[in-house]
Amino acid sequence: MSNIALSQKSIKLMKLCEIEGFDKLDDLLLLATLADTMCPAICMMEGCDHTAEMEPDQDQGFCEACGGNTVVSVLVLAGLI
């Protein structure tokens, strides 16, 4: 059995999929790209998995849970923006 090390971005993308109720990242990204003004976002602080709806290009959104400017939209996190 091999050990696969996931990046912090990958872990947060998987967590955001789980929280939003998607089995596949492609489905979450499709939702985000079709949204008018807001899309799912997640806090990048270790130990904080707070989610929110943010602008698609958000990379330093305010996290209401931990207080940091650490919320990143799924489109930025996936490298699409």
PDB file of N, CA and C in Angstrom:
ATOM      1  N   MET A   1       0.856  -1.185   0.000  1.00  0.00           N
ATOM      2  CA  MET A   1       0.000   0.000   0.000  1.00  0.00           C
ATOM      3  C   MET A   1       0.892   1.236   0.000  1.00  0.00           C
ATOM      4  N   SER A   2       0.569   2.170  -0.882  1.00  0.00           N
ATOM      5  CA  SER A   2       1.378   3.382  -0.965  1.00  0.00           C
ATOM      6  C   SER A   2       0.732   4.511  -0.198  1.00  0.00           C
ATOM      7  N   ASN A   3       1.553   5.428   0.244  1.00  0.00           N
ATOM      8  CA  ASN A   3       1.063   6.616   0.931  1.00  0.00           C
ATOM      9  C   ASN A   3       1.033   7.762  -0.058  1.00  0.00           C
ATOM     10  N   ILE A   4      -0.105   8.414  -0.152  1.00  0.00           N
ATOM     11  CA  ILE A   4      -0.246   9.556  -1.046  1.00  0.00           C
ATOM     12  C   ILE A   4      -0.410  10.795  -0.194  1.00  0.00           C
ATOM     13  N   ALA A   5       0.482  11.743  -0.366  1.00  0.00           N
ATOM     14  CA  ALA A   5       0.406  12.992   0.386  1.00  0.00           C
ATOM     15  C   ALA A   5      -0.408  13.994  -0.427  1.00  0.00           C
ATOM     16  N   LEU A   6      -1.488  14.464   0.156  1.00  0.00           N
ATOM     17  CA  LEU A   6      -2.317  15.452  -0.509  1.00  0.00           C
ATOM     18  C   LEU A   6      -1.898  16.851  -0.098  1.00  0.00           C
ATOM     19  N   SER A   7      -1.947  17.768  -1.029  1.00  0.00           N
ATOM     20  CA  SER A   7      -1.632  19.154  -0.711  1.00  0.00           C
ATOM     21  C   SER A   7      -2.762  19.756   0.116  1.00  0.00           C
ATOM     22  N   GLN A   8      -2.483  20.839   0.771  1.00  0.00           N
ATOM     23  CA  GLN A   8      -3.496  21.542   1.566  1.00  0.00           C
ATOM     24  C   GLN A   8      -4.671  21.954   0.669  1.00  0.00           C
ATOM     25  N   LYS A   9      -4.370  22.389  -0.562  1.00  0.00           N
ATOM     26  CA  LYS A   9      -5.434  22.772  -1.489  1.00  0.00           C
ATOM     27  C   LYS A   9      -6.328  21.584  -1.803  1.00  0.00           C
ATOM     28  N   SER A  10      -5.736  20.439  -2.064  1.00  0.00           N
ATOM     29  CA  SER A  10      -6.512  19.237  -2.380  1.00  0.00           C
ATOM     30  C   SER A  10      -7.400  18.828  -1.214  1.00  0.00           C
ATOM     31  N   ILE A  11      -6.851  18.889  -0.028  1.00  0.00           N
ATOM     32  CA  ILE A  11      -7.620  18.530   1.167  1.00  0.00           C
ATOM     33  C   ILE A  11      -8.820  19.471   1.319  1.00  0.00           C
ATOM     34  N   LYS A  12      -8.594  20.765   1.131  1.00  0.00           N
ATOM     35  CA  LYS A  12      -9.677  21.742   1.282  1.00  0.00           C
ATOM     36  C   LYS A  12     -10.718  21.582   0.167  1.00  0.00           C
ATOM     37  N   LEU A  13     -10.279  21.264  -1.058  1.00  0.00           N
ATOM     38  CA  LEU A  13     -11.223  21.025  -2.148  1.00  0.00           C
ATOM     39  C   LEU A  13     -12.100  19.815  -1.845  1.00  0.00           C
ATOM     40  N   MET A  14     -11.502  18.748  -1.337  1.00  0.00           N
ATOM     41  CA  MET A  14     -12.263  17.551  -0.978  1.00  0.00           C
ATOM     42  C   MET A  14     -13.250  17.861   0.146  1.00  0.00           C
ATOM     43  N   LYS A  15     -12.822  18.617   1.129  1.00  0.00           N
ATOM     44  CA  LYS A  15     -13.687  18.983   2.256  1.00  0.00           C
ATOM     45  C   LYS A  15     -14.856  19.845   1.780  1.00  0.00           C
ATOM     46  N   LEU A  16     -14.578  20.789   0.883  1.00  0.00           N
ATOM     47  CA  LEU A  16     -15.629  21.651   0.354  1.00  0.00           C
ATOM     48  C   LEU A  16     -16.647  20.831  -0.444  1.00  0.00           C
ATOM     49  N   CYS A  17     -16.181  19.864  -1.205  1.00  0.00           N
ATOM     50  CA  CYS A  17     -17.091  18.961  -1.924  1.00  0.00           C
ATOM     51  C   CYS A  17     -17.991  18.225  -0.942  1.00  0.00           C
ATOM     52  N   GLU A  18     -17.396  17.707   0.104  1.00  0.00           N
ATOM     53  CA  GLU A  18     -18.153  16.970   1.120  1.00  0.00           C
ATOM     54  C   GLU A  18     -19.205  17.857   1.775  1.00  0.00           C
ATOM     55  N   ILE A  19     -18.808  19.042   2.186  1.00  0.00           N
ATOM     56  CA  ILE A  19     -19.714  19.962   2.866  1.00  0.00           C
ATOM     57  C   ILE A  19     -20.857  20.399   1.946  1.00  0.00           C
ATOM     58  N   GLU A  20     -20.537  20.645   0.676  1.00  0.00           N
ATOM     59  CA  GLU A  20     -21.551  21.093  -0.279  1.00  0.00           C
ATOM     60  C   GLU A  20     -22.401  19.943  -0.813  1.00  0.00           C
ATOM     61  N   GLY A  21     -22.028  18.693  -0.491  1.00  0.00           N
ATOM     62  CA  GLY A  21     -22.830  17.540  -0.872  1.00  0.00           C
ATOM     63  C   GLY A  21     -22.548  16.985  -2.258  1.00  0.00           C
ATOM     64  N   PHE A  22     -21.333  17.187  -2.754  1.00  0.00           N
ATOM     65  CA  PHE A  22     -20.964  16.681  -4.068  1.00  0.00           C
ATOM     66  C   PHE A  22     -20.019  15.492  -3.941  1.00  0.00           C
ATOM     67  N   ASP A  23     -20.197  14.512  -4.828  1.00  0.00           N
ATOM     68  CA  ASP A  23     -19.304  13.354  -4.862  1.00  0.00           C
ATOM     69  C   ASP A  23     -18.055  13.627  -5.697  1.00  0.00           C
ATOM     70  N   LYS A  24     -18.198  14.519  -6.687  1.00  0.00           N
ATOM     71  CA  LYS A  24     -17.091  14.802  -7.598  1.00  0.00           C
ATOM     72  C   LYS A  24     -16.796  16.295  -7.635  1.00  0.00           C
ATOM     73  N   LEU A  25     -15.516  16.617  -7.711  1.00  0.00           N
ATOM     74  CA  LEU A  25     -15.089  18.015  -7.798  1.00  0.00           C
ATOM     75  C   LEU A  25     -15.651  18.667  -9.055  1.00  0.00           C
ATOM     76  N   ASP A  26     -15.722  17.929 -10.153  1.00  0.00           N
ATOM     77  CA  ASP A  26     -16.244  18.492 -11.405  1.00  0.00           C
ATOM     78  C   ASP A  26     -17.642  19.071 -11.226  1.00  0.00           C
ATOM     79  N   ASP A  27     -18.472  18.391 -10.447  1.00  0.00           N
ATOM     80  CA  ASP A  27     -19.835  18.873 -10.228  1.00  0.00           C
ATOM     81  C   ASP A  27     -19.848  20.170  -9.429  1.00  0.00           C
ATOM     82  N   LEU A  28     -18.988  20.265  -8.432  1.00  0.00           N
ATOM     83  CA  LEU A  28     -18.885  21.489  -7.636  1.00  0.00           C
ATOM     84  C   LEU A  28     -18.374  22.648  -8.491  1.00  0.00           C
ATOM     85  N   LEU A  29     -17.380  22.376  -9.324  1.00  0.00           N
ATOM     86  CA  LEU A  29     -16.831  23.418 -10.192  1.00  0.00           C
ATOM     87  C   LEU A  29     -17.858  23.879 -11.223  1.00  0.00           C
ATOM     88  N   LEU A  30     -18.665  22.953 -11.727  1.00  0.00           N
ATOM     89  CA  LEU A  30     -19.719  23.324 -12.668  1.00  0.00           C
ATOM     90  C   LEU A  30     -20.714  24.256 -11.995  1.00  0.00           C
ATOM     91  N   LEU A  31     -21.129  23.923 -10.780  1.00  0.00           N
ATOM     92  CA  LEU A  31     -22.031  24.787 -10.029  1.00  0.00           C
ATOM     93  C   LEU A  31     -21.424  26.178  -9.854  1.00  0.00           C
ATOM     94  N   ALA A  32     -20.160  26.215  -9.496  1.00  0.00           N
ATOM     95  CA  ALA A  32     -19.487  27.494  -9.237  1.00  0.00           C
ATOM     96  C   ALA A  32     -19.374  28.343 -10.496  1.00  0.00           C
ATOM     97  N   THR A  33     -19.126  27.716 -11.625  1.00  0.00           N
ATOM     98  CA  THR A  33     -18.975  28.486 -12.863  1.00  0.00           C
ATOM     99  C   THR A  33     -20.320  28.970 -13.403  1.00  0.00           C
ATOM    100  N   LEU A  34     -21.400  28.263 -13.071  1.00  0.00           N
ATOM    101  CA  LEU A  34     -22.725  28.664 -13.540  1.00  0.00           C
ATOM    102  C   LEU A  34     -23.400  29.679 -12.628  1.00  0.00           C
ATOM    103  N   ALA A  35     -22.864  29.860 -11.438  1.00  0.00           N
ATOM    104  CA  ALA A  35     -23.453  30.802 -10.474  1.00  0.00           C
ATOM    105  C   ALA A  35     -23.318  32.234 -10.990  1.00  0.00           C
ATOM    106  N   ASP A  36     -24.312  33.053 -10.684  1.00  0.00           N
ATOM    107  CA  ASP A  36     -24.309  34.432 -11.168  1.00  0.00           C
ATOM    108  C   ASP A  36     -23.221  35.288 -10.525  1.00  0.00           C
ATOM    109  N   THR A  37     -23.238  35.378  -9.194  1.00  0.00           N
ATOM    110  CA  THR A  37     -22.313  36.301  -8.543  1.00  0.00           C
ATOM    111  C   THR A  37     -21.506  35.681  -7.411  1.00  0.00           C
ATOM    112  N   MET A  38     -21.991  34.613  -6.822  1.00  0.00           N
ATOM    113  CA  MET A  38     -21.318  34.021  -5.667  1.00  0.00           C
ATOM    114  C   MET A  38     -21.045  32.540  -5.927  1.00  0.00           C
ATOM    115  N   CYS A  39     -20.021  32.021  -5.244  1.00  0.00           N
ATOM    116  CA  CYS A  39     -19.722  30.601  -5.369  1.00  0.00           C
ATOM    117  C   CYS A  39     -19.195  30.093  -4.022  1.00  0.00           C
ATOM    118  N   PRO A  40     -19.165  28.776  -3.840  1.00  0.00           N
ATOM    119  CA  PRO A  40     -18.686  28.222  -2.572  1.00  0.00           C
ATOM    120  C   PRO A  40     -17.225  28.590  -2.318  1.00  0.00           C
ATOM    121  N   ALA A  41     -16.908  28.791  -1.050  1.00  0.00           N
ATOM    122  CA  ALA A  41     -15.547  29.127  -0.626  1.00  0.00           C
ATOM    123  C   ALA A  41     -15.290  28.465   0.717  1.00  0.00           C
ATOM    124  N   ILE A  42     -14.015  28.265   1.032  1.00  0.00           N
ATOM    125  CA  ILE A  42     -13.652  27.607   2.285  1.00  0.00           C
ATOM    126  C   ILE A  42     -12.446  28.305   2.910  1.00  0.00           C
ATOM    127  N   CYS A  43     -12.394  28.284   4.222  1.00  0.00           N
ATOM    128  CA  CYS A  43     -11.261  28.853   4.955  1.00  0.00           C
ATOM    129  C   CYS A  43     -10.046  27.947   4.798  1.00  0.00           C
ATOM    130  N   MET A  44      -8.904  28.519   4.536  1.00  0.00           N
ATOM    131  CA  MET A  44      -7.674  27.761   4.329  1.00  0.00           C
ATOM    132  C   MET A  44      -6.855  27.583   5.600  1.00  0.00           C
ATOM    133  N   MET A  45      -7.317  28.145   6.708  1.00  0.00           N
ATOM    134  CA  MET A  45      -6.607  27.996   7.978  1.00  0.00           C
ATOM    135  C   MET A  45      -6.684  26.536   8.420  1.00  0.00           C
ATOM    136  N   GLU A  46      -5.553  25.987   8.835  1.00  0.00           N
ATOM    137  CA  GLU A  46      -5.543  24.607   9.305  1.00  0.00           C
ATOM    138  C   GLU A  46      -6.440  24.475  10.532  1.00  0.00           C
ATOM    139  N   GLY A  47      -7.310  23.485  10.513  1.00  0.00           N
ATOM    140  CA  GLY A  47      -8.222  23.257  11.614  1.00  0.00           C
ATOM    141  C   GLY A  47      -9.542  23.996  11.498  1.00  0.00           C
ATOM    142  N   CYS A  48      -9.674  24.864  10.513  1.00  0.00           N
ATOM    143  CA  CYS A  48     -10.912  25.599  10.294  1.00  0.00           C
ATOM    144  C   CYS A  48     -11.463  25.214   8.929  1.00  0.00           C
ATOM    145  N   ASP A  49     -12.673  24.707   8.890  1.00  0.00           N
ATOM    146  CA  ASP A  49     -13.306  24.325   7.634  1.00  0.00           C
ATOM    147  C   ASP A  49     -14.578  25.131   7.395  1.00  0.00           C
ATOM    148  N   HIS A  50     -14.570  26.379   7.857  1.00  0.00           N
ATOM    149  CA  HIS A  50     -15.729  27.246   7.675  1.00  0.00           C
ATOM    150  C   HIS A  50     -15.941  27.498   6.183  1.00  0.00           C
ATOM    151  N   THR A  51     -17.184  27.410   5.738  1.00  0.00           N
ATOM    152  CA  THR A  51     -17.502  27.691   4.343  1.00  0.00           C
ATOM    153  C   THR A  51     -18.417  28.898   4.259  1.00  0.00           C
ATOM    154  N   ALA A  52     -18.410  29.513   3.093  1.00  0.00           N
ATOM    155  CA  ALA A  52     -19.245  30.688   2.853  1.00  0.00           C
ATOM    156  C   ALA A  52     -19.446  30.828   1.354  1.00  0.00           C
ATOM    157  N   GLU A  53     -20.318  31.723   0.971  1.00  0.00           N
ATOM    158  CA  GLU A  53     -20.493  32.084  -0.427  1.00  0.00           C
ATOM    159  C   GLU A  53     -19.698  33.375  -0.647  1.00  0.00           C
ATOM    160  N   MET A  54     -18.799  33.341  -1.618  1.00  0.00           N
ATOM    161  CA  MET A  54     -17.941  34.494  -1.893  1.00  0.00           C
ATOM    162  C   MET A  54     -17.923  34.777  -3.390  1.00  0.00           C
ATOM    163  N   GLU A  55     -17.327  35.902  -3.757  1.00  0.00           N
ATOM    164  CA  GLU A  55     -17.137  36.230  -5.157  1.00  0.00           C
ATOM    165  C   GLU A  55     -16.223  35.181  -5.782  1.00  0.00           C
ATOM    166  N   PRO A  56     -16.410  34.868  -7.063  1.00  0.00           N
ATOM    167  CA  PRO A  56     -15.604  33.822  -7.704  1.00  0.00           C
ATOM    168  C   PRO A  56     -14.085  34.055  -7.655  1.00  0.00           C
ATOM    169  N   ASP A  57     -13.642  35.319  -7.621  1.00  0.00           N
ATOM    170  CA  ASP A  57     -12.204  35.610  -7.613  1.00  0.00           C
ATOM    171  C   ASP A  57     -11.641  35.880  -6.213  1.00  0.00           C
ATOM    172  N   GLN A  58     -12.413  35.570  -5.178  1.00  0.00           N
ATOM    173  CA  GLN A  58     -11.995  35.858  -3.794  1.00  0.00           C
ATOM    174  C   GLN A  58     -10.834  34.959  -3.375  1.00  0.00           C
ATOM    175  N   ASP A  59      -9.777  35.577  -2.853  1.00  0.00           N
ATOM    176  CA  ASP A  59      -8.645  34.792  -2.346  1.00  0.00           C
ATOM    177  C   ASP A  59      -8.208  35.233  -0.944  1.00  0.00           C
ATOM    178  N   GLN A  60      -8.908  36.213  -0.366  1.00  0.00           N
ATOM    179  CA  GLN A  60      -8.592  36.668   0.981  1.00  0.00           C
ATOM    180  C   GLN A  60      -9.857  37.104   1.720  1.00  0.00           C
ATOM    181  N   GLY A  61     -10.906  36.293   1.621  1.00  0.00           N
ATOM    182  CA  GLY A  61     -12.169  36.627   2.265  1.00  0.00           C
ATOM    183  C   GLY A  61     -12.094  36.462   3.775  1.00  0.00           C
ATOM    184  N   PHE A  62     -12.932  37.210   4.473  1.00  0.00           N
ATOM    185  CA  PHE A  62     -12.957  37.158   5.933  1.00  0.00           C
ATOM    186  C   PHE A  62     -13.657  35.896   6.404  1.00  0.00           C
ATOM    187  N   CYS A  63     -13.042  35.182   7.335  1.00  0.00           N
ATOM    188  CA  CYS A  63     -13.617  33.976   7.922  1.00  0.00           C
ATOM    189  C   CYS A  63     -14.309  34.357   9.219  1.00  0.00           C
ATOM    190  N   GLU A  64     -15.614  34.111   9.270  1.00  0.00           N
ATOM    191  CA  GLU A  64     -16.388  34.433  10.468  1.00  0.00           C
ATOM    192  C   GLU A  64     -16.082  33.488  11.623  1.00  0.00           C
ATOM    193  N   ALA A  65     -15.492  32.330  11.340  1.00  0.00           N
ATOM    194  CA  ALA A  65     -15.194  31.358  12.384  1.00  0.00           C
ATOM    195  C   ALA A  65     -13.865  31.645  13.084  1.00  0.00           C
ATOM    196  N   CYS A  66     -12.805  31.885  12.306  1.00  0.00           N
ATOM    197  CA  CYS A  66     -11.485  32.065  12.928  1.00  0.00           C
ATOM    198  C   CYS A  66     -10.990  33.507  12.892  1.00  0.00           C
ATOM    199  N   GLY A  67     -11.653  34.358  12.124  1.00  0.00           N
ATOM    200  CA  GLY A  67     -11.305  35.773  12.110  1.00  0.00           C
ATOM    201  C   GLY A  67     -10.209  36.178  11.146  1.00  0.00           C
ATOM    202  N   GLY A  68      -9.701  35.250  10.374  1.00  0.00           N
ATOM    203  CA  GLY A  68      -8.636  35.592   9.427  1.00  0.00           C
ATOM    204  C   GLY A  68      -9.183  35.950   8.060  1.00  0.00           C
ATOM    205  N   ASN A  69      -8.346  36.540   7.246  1.00  0.00           N
ATOM    206  CA  ASN A  69      -8.689  36.799   5.846  1.00  0.00           C
ATOM    207  C   ASN A  69      -8.183  35.617   5.025  1.00  0.00           C
ATOM    208  N   THR A  70      -8.794  34.466   5.265  1.00  0.00           N
ATOM    209  CA  THR A  70      -8.265  33.198   4.759  1.00  0.00           C
ATOM    210  C   THR A  70      -9.268  32.393   3.942  1.00  0.00           C
ATOM    211  N   VAL A  71     -10.404  32.980   3.581  1.00  0.00           N
ATOM    212  CA  VAL A  71     -11.409  32.253   2.802  1.00  0.00           C
ATOM    213  C   VAL A  71     -11.117  32.426   1.314  1.00  0.00           C
ATOM    214  N   VAL A  72     -11.090  31.284   0.601  1.00  0.00           N
ATOM    215  CA  VAL A  72     -10.747  31.251  -0.818  1.00  0.00           C
ATOM    216  C   VAL A  72     -11.873  30.566  -1.577  1.00  0.00           C
ATOM    217  N   SER A  73     -12.260  31.149  -2.720  1.00  0.00           N
ATOM    218  CA  SER A  73     -13.329  30.550  -3.516  1.00  0.00           C
ATOM    219  C   SER A  73     -12.830  29.258  -4.168  1.00  0.00           C
ATOM    220  N   VAL A  74     -13.774  28.374  -4.468  1.00  0.00           N
ATOM    221  CA  VAL A  74     -13.431  27.093  -5.080  1.00  0.00           C
ATOM    222  C   VAL A  74     -12.762  27.290  -6.437  1.00  0.00           C
ATOM    223  N   LEU A  75     -13.122  28.327  -7.164  1.00  0.00           N
ATOM    224  CA  LEU A  75     -12.522  28.555  -8.489  1.00  0.00           C
ATOM    225  C   LEU A  75     -11.065  28.984  -8.382  1.00  0.00           C
ATOM    226  N   VAL A  76     -10.746  29.790  -7.389  1.00  0.00           N
ATOM    227  CA  VAL A  76      -9.350  30.180  -7.156  1.00  0.00           C
ATOM    228  C   VAL A  76      -8.573  28.967  -6.627  1.00  0.00           C
ATOM    229  N   LEU A  77      -9.167  28.245  -5.705  1.00  0.00           N
ATOM    230  CA  LEU A  77      -8.528  27.080  -5.105  1.00  0.00           C
ATOM    231  C   LEU A  77      -8.199  26.017  -6.140  1.00  0.00           C
ATOM    232  N   ALA A  78      -9.075  25.839  -7.108  1.00  0.00           N
ATOM    233  CA  ALA A  78      -8.868  24.842  -8.161  1.00  0.00           C
ATOM    234  C   ALA A  78      -7.965  25.361  -9.282  1.00  0.00           C
ATOM    235  N   GLY A  79      -7.586  26.629  -9.203  1.00  0.00           N
ATOM    236  CA  GLY A  79      -6.686  27.192 -10.208  1.00  0.00           C
ATOM    237  C   GLY A  79      -7.374  27.613 -11.493  1.00  0.00           C
ATOM    238  N   LEU A  80      -8.685  27.809 -11.459  1.00  0.00           N
ATOM    239  CA  LEU A  80      -9.413  28.222 -12.648  1.00  0.00           C
ATOM    240  C   LEU A  80      -9.453  29.734 -12.814  1.00  0.00           C
ATOM    241  N   ILE A  81      -9.182  30.435 -11.727  1.00  0.00           N
ATOM    242  CA  ILE A  81      -9.096  31.914 -11.779  1.00  0.00           C
ATOM    243  C   ILE A  81      -7.758  32.302 -11.181  1.00  0.00           C
TER     244      ILE A  81
END
